[in-house]
Protein backbone atom coordinates (compact mmCIF):
# COMPACT_ATOMS: atom_id res chain seq x y z
CA MET A 1 20.90 -16.10 -14.19
CA THR A 2 19.10 -13.37 -15.49
CA LEU A 3 17.48 -10.56 -13.92
CA ALA A 4 14.24 -12.03 -13.82
CA ASP A 5 16.03 -14.75 -11.75
CA ASP A 6 17.90 -12.31 -9.82
CA LEU A 7 14.51 -10.86 -8.41
CA VAL A 8 12.61 -14.47 -7.85
CA ALA A 9 15.83 -14.65 -5.76
CA LEU A 10 15.60 -11.37 -4.13
CA ARG A 11 12.30 -11.62 -3.50
CA ARG A 12 12.39 -15.23 -1.51
CA GLU A 13 15.70 -13.89 0.44
CA ILE A 14 13.69 -11.42 1.89
CA HIS A 15 10.46 -13.69 2.14
CA ARG A 16 12.36 -15.69 4.48
CA HIS A 17 13.84 -13.30 6.93
CA PRO A 18 11.18 -10.69 7.02
CA GLU A 19 11.42 -7.64 9.44
CA LEU A 20 8.58 -5.99 10.63
CA ALA A 21 7.92 -1.90 10.89
CA GLY A 22 11.15 -0.13 12.00
CA GLU A 23 13.62 -3.23 11.61
CA GLU A 24 14.22 -3.58 8.19
CA ARG A 25 17.98 -3.58 8.99
CA GLN A 26 18.43 -6.60 6.87
CA THR A 27 16.15 -5.78 3.96
CA ALA A 28 17.43 -2.32 3.78
CA GLY A 29 20.82 -3.63 3.24
CA LEU A 30 20.13 -6.03 0.12
CA VAL A 31 18.66 -3.66 -1.31
CA ALA A 32 21.12 -0.66 -1.04
CA GLU A 33 24.16 -3.92 -2.10
CA GLN A 34 21.73 -4.25 -5.36
CA LEU A 35 21.31 -0.89 -5.95
CA ARG A 36 24.90 -0.09 -5.41
CA ALA A 37 26.20 -2.78 -7.34
CA ALA A 38 23.34 -1.08 -10.36
CA GLY A 39 25.90 2.04 -10.14
CA LEU A 40 23.43 4.33 -8.43
CA ASP A 41 23.86 7.07 -5.59
CA VAL A 42 23.03 5.22 -2.66
CA THR A 43 21.26 6.74 1.02
CA THR A 44 20.98 4.58 4.00
CA GLY A 45 19.22 5.44 6.96
CA VAL A 46 17.11 7.43 6.17
CA GLY A 47 13.80 8.07 8.39
CA GLY A 48 14.90 4.64 9.80
CA TYR A 49 15.89 2.15 7.91
CA GLY A 50 14.75 3.79 4.71
CA VAL A 51 17.23 3.57 1.30
CA VAL A 52 16.78 6.38 -1.50
CA ALA A 53 18.99 5.94 -4.54
CA VAL A 54 19.48 8.35 -7.75
CA LEU A 55 20.00 7.10 -10.71
CA ASP A 56 20.97 10.05 -13.28
CA GLY A 57 20.70 9.23 -16.94
CA SER A 58 22.84 10.30 -19.83
CA ALA A 59 20.50 13.03 -21.10
CA GLN A 60 19.31 15.84 -18.94
CA GLY A 61 16.10 16.21 -17.69
CA PRO A 62 13.56 16.31 -14.76
CA ALA A 63 13.16 14.29 -11.91
CA VAL A 64 10.89 11.46 -11.40
CA ALA A 65 10.42 9.05 -8.48
CA TYR A 66 9.27 5.65 -7.46
CA ARG A 67 8.20 4.42 -4.13
CA ALA A 68 9.02 0.67 -2.35
CA ASP A 69 8.16 -0.77 1.08
CA MET A 70 10.03 -2.86 2.87
CA ASP A 71 8.40 -4.08 6.18
CA ALA A 72 6.09 -7.37 6.75
CA VAL A 73 3.08 -7.64 9.25
CA ASP A 74 2.99 -9.68 12.62
CA ALA A 75 0.93 -12.59 10.84
CA ARG A 76 -0.98 -13.21 14.42
CA VAL A 77 -2.60 -10.16 14.12
CA ASN A 78 -2.34 -8.36 11.12
CA VAL A 79 -4.76 -10.31 8.79
CA LEU A 80 -8.03 -10.07 7.70
CA PRO A 81 -10.91 -12.64 9.34
CA ILE A 82 -10.59 -14.39 6.50
CA ALA A 83 -10.33 -18.20 6.34
CA PRO A 84 -6.94 -19.66 5.16
CA SER A 85 -7.56 -22.31 2.05
CA GLY A 86 -4.38 -24.75 3.80
CA ARG A 87 -2.43 -24.40 0.40
CA VAL A 88 1.32 -24.00 1.09
CA PHE A 89 2.82 -22.14 -1.61
CA ASP A 90 5.86 -21.11 -0.53
CA GLU A 91 7.65 -24.71 1.00
CA GLY A 92 11.35 -23.97 0.28
CA PHE A 93 11.33 -20.31 1.16
CA ALA A 94 8.89 -19.95 4.09
CA SER A 95 9.21 -17.35 7.02
CA GLN A 96 12.28 -18.46 8.85
CA VAL A 97 11.13 -15.56 11.24
CA PRO A 98 7.66 -17.21 14.35
CA GLY A 99 4.97 -14.61 13.53
CA VAL A 100 6.68 -12.55 10.99
CA ALA A 101 5.26 -12.77 7.45
CA HIS A 102 5.40 -10.81 4.30
CA LEU A 103 1.79 -11.37 3.82
CA CYS A 104 1.07 -7.67 2.21
CA GLY A 105 3.34 -8.40 -1.16
CA HIS A 106 6.20 -5.51 0.07
CA ASP A 107 8.72 -8.16 -0.01
CA LEU A 108 7.51 -8.28 -4.52
CA HIS A 109 7.61 -4.74 -4.36
CA THR A 110 10.68 -4.66 -2.86
CA ALA A 111 12.46 -6.57 -5.84
CA ILE A 112 10.28 -5.05 -8.28
CA GLY A 113 11.61 -1.58 -7.09
CA VAL A 114 15.18 -2.69 -7.44
CA GLY A 115 14.30 -4.43 -10.54
CA VAL A 116 13.02 -0.86 -12.14
CA ALA A 117 16.62 0.13 -10.75
CA ARG A 118 18.36 -1.92 -12.58
CA THR A 119 16.76 -2.24 -15.78
CA LEU A 120 16.71 1.79 -16.22
CA ALA A 121 20.41 1.76 -14.79
CA GLN A 122 21.34 -0.90 -17.70
CA SER A 123 19.21 0.43 -20.49
CA SER A 124 21.63 1.76 -23.64
CA GLN A 125 18.50 3.39 -24.07
CA ALA A 126 19.23 7.16 -22.52
CA VAL A 127 17.06 8.03 -19.69
CA PRO A 128 15.66 11.71 -19.73
CA GLY A 129 16.51 12.99 -16.56
CA ARG A 130 16.65 11.65 -12.91
CA VAL A 131 14.84 8.86 -11.28
CA VAL A 132 14.79 8.40 -7.30
CA PHE A 133 14.15 5.59 -5.62
CA VAL A 134 12.81 5.44 -2.62
CA PHE A 135 12.72 2.28 -0.41
CA GLN A 136 10.39 2.62 2.71
CA PRO A 137 10.16 1.10 5.95
CA ALA A 138 7.13 0.98 8.23
CA GLU A 139 4.50 1.32 6.07
CA GLU A 140 1.86 -1.23 7.98
CA PRO A 141 1.62 1.46 10.74
CA LEU A 142 1.98 4.39 8.67
CA GLN A 143 5.10 5.80 10.07
CA GLY A 144 7.78 5.32 7.75
CA ALA A 145 6.38 7.54 5.26
CA ARG A 146 6.52 10.71 7.18
CA ALA A 147 10.00 9.32 9.02
CA MET A 148 11.51 9.35 5.12
CA LEU A 149 9.88 12.57 4.39
CA GLN A 150 11.14 14.52 7.60
CA THR A 151 14.70 14.23 6.96
CA GLY A 152 13.97 15.87 3.75
CA VAL A 153 16.13 14.02 1.74
CA VAL A 154 13.73 13.08 -0.90
CA GLN A 155 12.11 16.59 -1.42
CA ARG A 156 15.98 18.40 -2.02
CA LEU A 157 16.17 15.41 -4.68
CA ALA A 158 12.54 17.29 -6.02
CA PRO A 159 10.73 14.79 -7.91
CA ARG A 160 8.17 16.80 -9.82
CA GLU A 161 6.07 12.68 -9.96
CA PHE A 162 5.74 9.64 -8.04
CA TYR A 163 4.58 6.33 -8.50
CA ALA A 164 4.11 3.34 -7.25
CA LEU A 165 2.47 -0.11 -6.88
CA HIS A 166 0.27 -2.58 -4.89
CA CYS A 167 0.24 -6.10 -5.10
CA SER A 168 -3.77 -6.84 -5.58
CA PRO A 169 -5.69 -10.22 -6.66
CA TYR A 170 -6.05 -9.30 -10.13
CA PRO A 171 -4.98 -11.64 -12.51
CA SER A 172 -1.03 -11.74 -12.71
CA GLY A 173 0.14 -9.81 -15.63
CA THR A 174 -2.27 -7.03 -15.24
CA ILE A 175 -2.15 -3.76 -14.20
CA ALA A 176 -5.37 -1.14 -12.61
CA VAL A 177 -4.90 2.53 -12.67
CA SER A 178 -7.59 4.71 -10.53
CA PRO A 179 -7.70 8.20 -11.85
CA GLY A 180 -8.62 10.82 -9.03
CA TYR A 181 -9.64 7.50 -6.72
CA GLY A 182 -7.14 5.14 -4.38
CA LEU A 183 -7.33 4.43 -0.64
CA PRO A 184 -9.51 6.03 2.68
CA GLY A 185 -7.91 8.43 4.72
CA LEU A 186 -7.74 6.50 8.87
CA ASP A 187 -8.62 7.97 11.85
CA HIS A 188 -8.44 6.42 15.51
CA LEU A 189 -9.90 7.38 18.37
CA ARG A 190 -11.39 6.03 21.77
CA ILE A 191 -14.51 6.72 23.75
CA VAL A 192 -14.30 6.71 27.11
CA LEU A 193 -17.73 5.31 29.28
CA PRO A 194 -16.81 6.68 32.88
CA ASP A 195 -20.24 5.07 33.95
CA ALA A 196 -20.59 2.24 31.63
CA ASP A 197 -20.53 -1.60 31.91
CA ASP A 198 -19.95 -4.01 29.79
CA ALA A 199 -23.52 -3.96 27.78
CA GLY A 200 -23.24 -0.55 28.43
CA ALA A 201 -20.09 -0.63 26.29
CA ALA A 202 -21.53 -2.94 24.12
CA ALA A 203 -24.52 -0.85 23.40
CA VAL A 204 -22.15 2.00 22.21
CA GLU A 205 -20.28 -0.21 19.98
CA GLY A 206 -23.00 -1.30 17.90
CA GLU A 207 -23.83 2.42 17.66
CA VAL A 208 -20.87 2.94 16.19
CA ALA A 209 -20.52 -0.23 13.76
CA ARG A 210 -23.56 1.63 12.29
CA LEU A 211 -21.78 4.24 11.04
CA GLY A 212 -20.66 1.64 8.77
CA SER A 213 -21.19 1.53 4.92
CA VAL A 214 -19.55 -1.51 3.39
CA GLU A 215 -18.62 -4.77 5.42
CA PHE A 216 -15.13 -6.09 5.36
CA PRO A 217 -14.85 -9.05 3.21
CA ARG A 218 -15.69 -12.25 4.86
CA SER A 219 -13.73 -14.71 2.06
CA ILE A 220 -11.19 -15.03 -0.51
CA GLU A 221 -14.44 -15.03 -2.72
CA ASP A 222 -15.76 -11.87 -1.28
CA TYR A 223 -12.37 -10.14 -1.50
CA HIS A 224 -12.14 -11.22 -5.04
CA ALA A 225 -16.07 -9.36 -6.12
CA GLY A 226 -15.14 -6.65 -4.01
CA PHE A 227 -11.71 -5.63 -6.59
CA THR A 228 -13.49 -6.84 -9.58
CA ALA A 229 -16.47 -4.60 -8.86
CA LEU A 230 -14.00 -1.19 -9.11
CA LEU A 231 -13.65 -1.97 -13.05
CA LYS A 232 -17.39 -2.46 -13.66
CA PRO A 233 -18.18 0.63 -15.84
CA ALA A 234 -21.09 1.03 -13.81
CA ALA A 235 -19.24 1.38 -10.48
CA ALA A 236 -18.49 5.50 -11.65
CA ALA A 237 -22.36 6.04 -11.68
CA THR A 238 -22.87 4.80 -7.86
CA ASN A 239 -22.52 6.43 -4.78
CA GLN A 240 -18.14 6.84 -4.65
CA GLU A 241 -18.85 7.12 -0.62
CA SER A 242 -17.62 4.53 1.71
CA VAL A 243 -17.44 4.54 5.75
CA SER A 244 -15.70 1.24 6.87
CA VAL A 245 -15.52 0.77 10.54
CA ALA A 246 -13.07 -1.59 12.98
CA HIS A 247 -14.53 -1.41 16.82
CA TRP A 248 -13.31 -3.45 19.88
CA ILE A 249 -13.93 -3.35 23.38
CA GLU A 250 -11.07 -2.27 25.78
CA HIS A 251 -10.90 -3.75 29.26
CA PRO A 252 -8.34 -1.94 31.14
CA SER A 253 -7.62 -3.53 34.45
CA ASP A 254 -8.23 0.20 36.40
CA ALA A 255 -10.59 1.97 34.53
CA PRO A 256 -14.05 1.17 32.91
CA PRO A 257 -14.65 -0.09 29.00
CA ALA A 258 -13.93 1.77 26.68
CA VAL A 259 -14.70 1.46 22.58
CA ASN A 260 -11.59 1.60 20.51
CA VAL A 261 -12.70 2.70 16.58
CA LEU A 262 -10.77 2.50 13.23
CA LEU A 263 -12.42 4.82 10.64
CA ARG A 264 -11.38 4.49 6.85
CA VAL A 265 -13.30 7.33 5.21
CA TRP A 266 -13.66 8.37 1.44
CA PRO A 267 -13.72 10.90 0.27
CA GLN A 268 -12.09 12.44 3.14
CA GLU A 269 -14.12 15.06 3.47
CA ARG A 270 -16.70 13.07 5.12
CA GLY A 271 -14.40 12.92 8.25
CA PRO A 272 -15.17 15.70 10.55
CA GLU A 273 -18.91 14.98 10.29
CA LEU A 274 -18.32 11.23 11.43
CA ARG A 275 -16.03 12.39 14.03
CA VAL A 276 -19.41 14.88 15.19
CA ARG A 277 -21.72 11.67 15.18
CA ILE A 278 -19.57 9.97 17.66
CA LYS A 279 -18.86 12.40 20.11
CA GLN A 280 -23.02 12.55 20.20
CA LEU A 281 -22.72 8.96 20.40
CA ALA A 282 -20.67 9.05 23.33
CA ALA A 283 -21.88 12.15 25.23
CA ALA A 284 -25.44 10.24 25.26
CA ALA A 285 -23.63 7.48 26.71
CA GLY A 286 -22.40 9.93 29.57
CA GLY A 287 -18.84 9.80 28.10
CA HIS A 288 -16.34 11.59 25.95
CA VAL A 289 -13.91 10.95 22.69
CA GLU A 290 -10.40 10.63 22.66
CA PHE A 291 -8.85 11.37 19.25
CA SER A 292 -5.26 10.45 18.67
CA GLY A 293 -4.52 13.14 16.74
CA ASP A 294 -5.27 14.15 12.76
CA PRO A 295 -6.90 11.58 10.44
CA PHE A 296 -4.39 10.12 8.56
CA PRO A 297 -5.18 11.48 4.84
CA ALA A 298 -6.66 9.41 2.49
CA LEU A 299 -4.71 8.75 -0.58
CA VAL A 300 -6.05 10.26 -3.80
CA ASN A 301 -4.42 9.42 -7.19
CA SER A 302 -3.98 12.48 -9.97
CA ALA A 303 -6.16 11.77 -12.14
CA GLY A 304 -4.78 13.52 -15.44
CA LEU A 305 -1.46 11.40 -14.46
CA SER A 306 -2.91 8.18 -13.47
CA THR A 307 -5.00 8.37 -17.07
CA ALA A 308 -2.15 9.61 -18.82
CA ALA A 309 -0.44 6.52 -16.93
CA GLY A 310 -3.38 3.92 -18.14
CA GLN A 311 -3.26 5.47 -21.76
CA TYR A 312 0.31 4.35 -22.19
CA LEU A 313 0.15 0.97 -20.08
CA THR A 314 -2.46 0.06 -22.61
CA THR A 315 -0.34 0.57 -25.23
CA ALA A 316 2.91 -0.49 -23.90
CA LEU A 317 1.29 -3.91 -22.62
CA GLY A 318 -2.01 -3.96 -24.29
CA PRO A 319 -6.09 -3.20 -23.57
CA GLU A 320 -6.46 -6.66 -22.02
CA SER A 321 -3.86 -6.21 -19.22
CA VAL A 322 -4.53 -2.79 -17.59
CA GLY A 323 -7.94 -1.83 -15.92
CA TRP A 324 -9.48 1.07 -15.05
CA ALA A 325 -10.80 1.24 -11.33
CA ARG A 326 -13.07 3.87 -10.53
CA VAL A 327 -13.78 3.96 -6.74
CA SER A 328 -11.59 3.65 -3.99
CA TRP A 329 -11.08 0.15 -2.65
CA PRO A 330 -12.65 1.07 0.76
CA TYR A 331 -10.43 -1.27 3.60
CA ASN A 332 -6.67 -0.43 3.43
CA CYS A 333 -4.46 2.82 4.28
CA GLU A 334 -1.58 3.72 2.85
CA ASP A 335 1.29 5.91 3.50
CA PHE A 336 1.83 6.40 0.38
CA ALA A 337 -0.65 9.32 1.01
CA LEU A 338 2.54 11.84 2.16
CA TYR A 339 4.40 11.61 -1.18
CA LEU A 340 1.61 12.61 -2.78
CA ASP A 341 1.29 15.57 -1.07
CA GLU A 342 5.18 16.47 -2.28
CA ALA A 343 4.46 15.70 -5.79
CA PRO A 344 1.23 14.51 -7.64
CA GLY A 345 1.19 11.20 -8.87
CA ALA A 346 -0.47 7.71 -8.48
CA LEU A 347 -0.23 4.52 -6.79
CA PHE A 348 -0.95 1.73 -9.50
CA TYR A 349 -3.19 -2.52 -8.69
CA LEU A 350 -1.01 -5.02 -9.74
CA GLY A 351 -2.26 -8.39 -10.33
CA VAL A 352 -0.43 -11.40 -8.18
CA ALA A 353 -2.99 -13.79 -8.36
CA ASP A 354 -3.45 -17.01 -10.03
CA THR A 355 -6.79 -18.60 -9.40
CA GLU A 356 -6.66 -21.88 -11.57
CA ALA A 357 -3.30 -22.86 -9.50
CA GLY A 358 -5.00 -21.24 -6.17
CA ILE A 359 -2.57 -17.87 -5.87
CA ASN A 360 -5.65 -15.77 -4.37
CA GLY A 361 -3.32 -12.66 -4.11
CA ALA A 362 -5.39 -11.15 -1.78
CA PRO A 363 -3.28 -8.88 0.88
CA HIS A 364 -3.29 -9.59 4.61
CA ALA A 365 -5.27 -12.98 3.50
CA PRO A 366 -3.44 -15.25 5.91
CA ASP A 367 -2.80 -17.80 3.03
CA PHE A 368 -1.18 -14.73 0.82
CA ALA A 369 0.27 -15.80 -1.97
CA ALA A 370 1.35 -14.41 -5.05
CA ASP A 371 2.56 -15.05 -8.27
CA GLU A 372 6.13 -14.57 -9.10
CA ARG A 373 5.94 -13.95 -12.86
CA ALA A 374 3.87 -10.51 -12.01
CA ILE A 375 7.47 -9.27 -10.22
CA GLY A 376 8.99 -9.15 -14.37
CA HIS A 377 5.03 -7.33 -15.52
CA GLY A 378 5.64 -4.63 -12.52
CA VAL A 379 9.38 -4.39 -13.68
CA ARG A 380 8.83 -3.68 -17.72
CA ALA A 381 5.72 -1.71 -16.29
CA MET A 382 7.09 0.75 -14.43
CA ALA A 383 10.26 0.79 -15.96
CA GLY A 384 8.58 2.25 -19.10
CA LEU A 385 6.22 4.32 -17.68
CA LEU A 386 9.26 6.12 -15.60
CA THR A 387 11.11 6.71 -18.73
CA HIS A 388 7.88 7.80 -20.13
CA ARG A 389 6.88 10.40 -18.09
CA LEU A 390 10.64 11.48 -18.39
CA ALA A 391 10.76 12.22 -21.77
CA ALA A 392 6.93 13.53 -21.97
CA ARG A 393 8.16 16.61 -18.99
CA SER A 394 11.35 17.35 -20.54
């Protein structure tokens, strides 16, 4: 069996047995087993079910890091409000866990991370330094990166650059870089309205909704169009700010209604003014605001390292295979942001869609499906890039 076959089989095994955030025991075990077999130094139980593996090359040099996330989603609630197509692409390896599924592509991310590690470990060409592989639990609730970093294991390995990729609805066989941009931060707050009835809460909710500058995609076609727009040269000349707002009225059994609000804000510097505005809306309605804590930071790709990666990938893969995203995708957050606070780096958009075959490649769509050939594309791109970056830093 070839490495490509192995990785597809690994992805399908993970896909059959998806595990929610904080429950990734079996997935972590599969990852650790494969990495140890490849000769890496493996540490398990890092910040929960996190796995850290170290590959020391045959040549002296610096360290770079690569992250892959492992958790699945609750398919009953954590999906986009988009009508499914009704087509089934995982027949024969569908999820065997009711209500849990890999709808965000983390099964592919994990298989690609293992593939990169195995490729570099088996390479006849010297790896000029150290590669640190971080297989992370609990990305979906934005908890796993912090939990792993709080152990200090990653920091002690001192990676100078951090990289990751994420499935996207770009065509399979392509990859996009996003220099200086990335994904928004997240702020969760609750507007408490002691004297309001349902109508009053609905009025406040409407005011909050008007703070948004973008609307969530209503169809797969809209989703694809939004990602395509990121690549248009004209996008760089437009207003780069965006605010997406999710909101819902809460009806506690023993208290007046409240309005829950999720703000995804780009750039994150706009966050404080939005907090002030929402406090004003709440006060005008006789209420107040409860914050869940500090906002979760935006993911900001290093402009220099993203550009260097894009130039390398263009040479290695061909210009037709590399896109340049010129604005932030406003609807998702990513706790890879916390690794970029430790060392500069970048997250890339890996194309996994095949629209002719009906494979939408749209993470969190109820019928998310991915072209499994993208696993090999991701391995080749990332194995080459990590080696190239180590050589550049040596």
